[in-house]
Amino acid sequence: MGIIYTNIKLRNALTDSEAVELKAKVDTGATLLVIPGDVSEEFEFPIIRRQNVKYANEETAEKDVVWGVEVEI
C-alpha cells in the first residue's frame, strides 16, 4: 500500500469565496477532513467546537472543528 494524493478545490461556502486548489493526502479511514490551520484562517472558517483527534502514530491533540468548508474532488 502506498500513500495516495489527489488535487482538491476548497472554498468557504458561507462567504462564497473563490476556490483554491490544493494537493491533499487521502486517508480512507478518516472520519473528518483535516485542513491546515493557516488555510482555515485564510478562508475565515468559523470555529464551532474543539475536538480531540488521534493520529496514525497514536499521538493525540485538540483541534478546531470549523464550518462552511466546501470541497470539490
N, C-alpha and C. Protein backbone atom coordinates (compact mmCIF):
# COMPACT_ATOMS: atom_id res chain seq x y z
N MET A 1 0.84 -1.18 0.00
CA MET A 1 0.00 0.00 0.00
C MET A 1 0.88 1.24 0.00
N GLY A 2 0.51 2.20 -0.80
CA GLY A 2 1.25 3.45 -0.87
C GLY A 2 0.41 4.61 -0.36
N ILE A 3 1.01 5.76 -0.37
CA ILE A 3 0.30 6.98 0.02
C ILE A 3 -0.34 7.55 -1.23
N ILE A 4 -1.60 7.92 -1.10
CA ILE A 4 -2.36 8.44 -2.24
C ILE A 4 -2.61 9.93 -2.02
N TYR A 5 -2.34 10.71 -3.06
CA TYR A 5 -2.63 12.15 -3.06
C TYR A 5 -3.59 12.46 -4.19
N THR A 6 -4.39 13.50 -4.01
CA THR A 6 -5.26 13.98 -5.07
C THR A 6 -5.37 15.50 -4.96
N ASN A 7 -5.74 16.14 -6.04
CA ASN A 7 -5.99 17.58 -6.02
C ASN A 7 -7.43 17.82 -5.64
N ILE A 8 -7.65 18.78 -4.74
CA ILE A 8 -8.99 19.16 -4.35
C ILE A 8 -9.14 20.66 -4.51
N LYS A 9 -10.37 21.12 -4.64
CA LYS A 9 -10.68 22.55 -4.61
C LYS A 9 -11.42 22.82 -3.32
N LEU A 10 -10.99 23.85 -2.61
CA LEU A 10 -11.53 24.19 -1.31
C LEU A 10 -12.00 25.63 -1.33
N ARG A 11 -13.16 25.90 -0.71
CA ARG A 11 -13.64 27.28 -0.60
C ARG A 11 -14.54 27.42 0.60
N ASN A 12 -14.81 28.65 1.00
CA ASN A 12 -15.72 28.94 2.09
C ASN A 12 -17.10 29.16 1.48
N ALA A 13 -18.01 28.22 1.72
CA ALA A 13 -19.36 28.30 1.16
C ALA A 13 -20.18 29.40 1.82
N LEU A 14 -19.80 29.83 3.01
CA LEU A 14 -20.56 30.86 3.73
C LEU A 14 -20.30 32.26 3.17
N THR A 15 -19.09 32.47 2.62
CA THR A 15 -18.74 33.79 2.09
C THR A 15 -18.68 33.80 0.57
N ASP A 16 -18.92 32.64 -0.03
CA ASP A 16 -18.87 32.49 -1.49
C ASP A 16 -17.50 32.88 -2.04
N SER A 17 -16.45 32.48 -1.33
CA SER A 17 -15.09 32.82 -1.74
C SER A 17 -14.67 32.04 -2.98
N GLU A 18 -13.60 32.50 -3.59
CA GLU A 18 -13.03 31.79 -4.73
C GLU A 18 -12.41 30.48 -4.25
N ALA A 19 -12.53 29.44 -5.07
CA ALA A 19 -11.93 28.15 -4.73
C ALA A 19 -10.42 28.20 -4.94
N VAL A 20 -9.71 27.48 -4.09
CA VAL A 20 -8.27 27.34 -4.19
C VAL A 20 -7.97 25.85 -4.34
N GLU A 21 -7.07 25.53 -5.28
CA GLU A 21 -6.71 24.13 -5.49
C GLU A 21 -5.53 23.76 -4.60
N LEU A 22 -5.68 22.63 -3.91
CA LEU A 22 -4.65 22.13 -3.00
C LEU A 22 -4.38 20.67 -3.28
N LYS A 23 -3.18 20.21 -2.97
CA LYS A 23 -2.85 18.80 -3.05
C LYS A 23 -3.14 18.21 -1.68
N ALA A 24 -3.93 17.13 -1.64
CA ALA A 24 -4.36 16.54 -0.37
C ALA A 24 -4.01 15.07 -0.29
N LYS A 25 -3.62 14.64 0.90
CA LYS A 25 -3.36 13.22 1.15
C LYS A 25 -4.70 12.54 1.43
N VAL A 26 -4.93 11.39 0.82
CA VAL A 26 -6.17 10.65 1.01
C VAL A 26 -5.99 9.66 2.15
N ASP A 27 -6.89 9.69 3.12
CA ASP A 27 -6.91 8.72 4.22
C ASP A 27 -8.27 8.04 4.20
N THR A 28 -8.31 6.81 3.69
CA THR A 28 -9.58 6.12 3.52
C THR A 28 -10.24 5.76 4.85
N GLY A 29 -9.52 5.85 5.95
CA GLY A 29 -10.09 5.54 7.25
C GLY A 29 -10.50 6.77 8.05
N ALA A 30 -10.33 7.94 7.47
CA ALA A 30 -10.65 9.18 8.19
C ALA A 30 -12.15 9.40 8.29
N THR A 31 -12.56 9.98 9.40
CA THR A 31 -13.97 10.33 9.58
C THR A 31 -14.21 11.84 9.47
N LEU A 32 -13.13 12.62 9.47
CA LEU A 32 -13.21 14.07 9.31
C LEU A 32 -12.16 14.53 8.31
N LEU A 33 -12.41 15.64 7.65
CA LEU A 33 -11.43 16.26 6.78
C LEU A 33 -10.51 17.12 7.64
N VAL A 34 -9.22 17.00 7.44
CA VAL A 34 -8.25 17.82 8.17
C VAL A 34 -7.62 18.80 7.18
N ILE A 35 -7.71 20.09 7.52
CA ILE A 35 -7.07 21.10 6.68
C ILE A 35 -6.06 21.86 7.55
N PRO A 36 -4.99 22.37 6.95
CA PRO A 36 -4.00 23.12 7.73
C PRO A 36 -4.62 24.35 8.38
N GLY A 37 -4.12 24.67 9.57
CA GLY A 37 -4.64 25.82 10.30
C GLY A 37 -4.53 27.12 9.54
N ASP A 38 -3.44 27.31 8.78
CA ASP A 38 -3.28 28.56 8.03
C ASP A 38 -4.32 28.67 6.91
N VAL A 39 -4.70 27.54 6.33
CA VAL A 39 -5.75 27.54 5.30
C VAL A 39 -7.09 27.90 5.94
N SER A 40 -7.37 27.33 7.11
CA SER A 40 -8.61 27.63 7.83
C SER A 40 -8.70 29.12 8.16
N GLU A 41 -7.58 29.69 8.61
CA GLU A 41 -7.55 31.11 8.94
C GLU A 41 -7.71 31.98 7.70
N GLU A 42 -7.05 31.59 6.60
CA GLU A 42 -7.14 32.35 5.35
C GLU A 42 -8.58 32.44 4.86
N PHE A 43 -9.31 31.34 4.95
CA PHE A 43 -10.70 31.31 4.49
C PHE A 43 -11.69 31.83 5.54
N GLU A 44 -11.19 32.08 6.75
CA GLU A 44 -12.01 32.58 7.85
C GLU A 44 -13.20 31.66 8.15
N PHE A 45 -12.93 30.35 8.19
CA PHE A 45 -13.98 29.41 8.56
C PHE A 45 -14.33 29.60 10.03
N PRO A 46 -15.62 29.69 10.37
CA PRO A 46 -15.99 29.85 11.78
C PRO A 46 -15.74 28.55 12.56
N ILE A 47 -15.17 28.69 13.75
CA ILE A 47 -14.92 27.53 14.62
C ILE A 47 -16.21 27.21 15.36
N ILE A 48 -16.62 25.94 15.31
CA ILE A 48 -17.85 25.54 16.01
C ILE A 48 -17.58 24.76 17.29
N ARG A 49 -16.40 24.15 17.40
CA ARG A 49 -16.04 23.44 18.62
C ARG A 49 -14.57 22.99 18.54
N ARG A 50 -14.06 22.47 19.65
CA ARG A 50 -12.73 21.85 19.70
C ARG A 50 -12.95 20.35 19.87
N GLN A 51 -12.08 19.54 19.26
CA GLN A 51 -12.24 18.09 19.33
C GLN A 51 -10.89 17.42 19.49
N ASN A 52 -10.85 16.39 20.32
CA ASN A 52 -9.64 15.59 20.45
C ASN A 52 -9.52 14.69 19.22
N VAL A 53 -8.32 14.65 18.63
CA VAL A 53 -8.07 13.81 17.46
C VAL A 53 -6.91 12.87 17.78
N LYS A 54 -6.89 11.73 17.08
CA LYS A 54 -5.82 10.74 17.26
C LYS A 54 -5.22 10.46 15.90
N TYR A 55 -3.90 10.60 15.82
CA TYR A 55 -3.18 10.40 14.57
C TYR A 55 -2.77 8.94 14.42
N ALA A 56 -2.35 8.58 13.23
CA ALA A 56 -1.93 7.20 12.93
C ALA A 56 -0.76 6.76 13.81
N ASN A 57 0.05 7.71 14.25
CA ASN A 57 1.20 7.37 15.12
C ASN A 57 0.81 7.34 16.60
N GLU A 58 -0.50 7.36 16.86
CA GLU A 58 -1.07 7.28 18.21
C GLU A 58 -0.97 8.58 19.01
N GLU A 59 -0.39 9.64 18.45
CA GLU A 59 -0.37 10.92 19.15
C GLU A 59 -1.77 11.52 19.13
N THR A 60 -2.09 12.33 20.14
CA THR A 60 -3.38 12.99 20.20
C THR A 60 -3.18 14.49 20.30
N ALA A 61 -4.21 15.23 19.92
CA ALA A 61 -4.16 16.69 20.00
C ALA A 61 -5.60 17.21 20.03
N GLU A 62 -5.77 18.42 20.49
CA GLU A 62 -7.08 19.07 20.45
C GLU A 62 -7.07 20.05 19.28
N LYS A 63 -8.01 19.93 18.36
CA LYS A 63 -8.05 20.74 17.14
C LYS A 63 -9.40 21.43 17.00
N ASP A 64 -9.39 22.54 16.24
CA ASP A 64 -10.64 23.25 15.94
C ASP A 64 -11.44 22.49 14.89
N VAL A 65 -12.74 22.48 15.08
CA VAL A 65 -13.67 21.97 14.06
C VAL A 65 -14.36 23.20 13.49
N VAL A 66 -14.30 23.34 12.16
CA VAL A 66 -14.85 24.54 11.51
C VAL A 66 -16.06 24.19 10.66
N TRP A 67 -16.75 25.21 10.23
CA TRP A 67 -18.00 25.09 9.48
C TRP A 67 -17.88 25.85 8.17
N GLY A 68 -18.59 25.39 7.14
CA GLY A 68 -18.67 26.13 5.90
C GLY A 68 -17.67 25.71 4.84
N VAL A 69 -16.99 24.58 5.03
CA VAL A 69 -15.98 24.12 4.08
C VAL A 69 -16.68 23.41 2.92
N GLU A 70 -16.40 23.85 1.72
CA GLU A 70 -16.90 23.15 0.52
C GLU A 70 -15.70 22.56 -0.21
N VAL A 71 -15.78 21.26 -0.50
CA VAL A 71 -14.68 20.54 -1.14
C VAL A 71 -15.17 19.97 -2.45
N GLU A 72 -14.37 20.16 -3.50
CA GLU A 72 -14.62 19.55 -4.79
C GLU A 72 -13.44 18.64 -5.11
N ILE A 73 -13.76 17.39 -5.41
CA ILE A 73 -12.70 16.41 -5.72
C ILE A 73 -12.64 16.19 -7.21
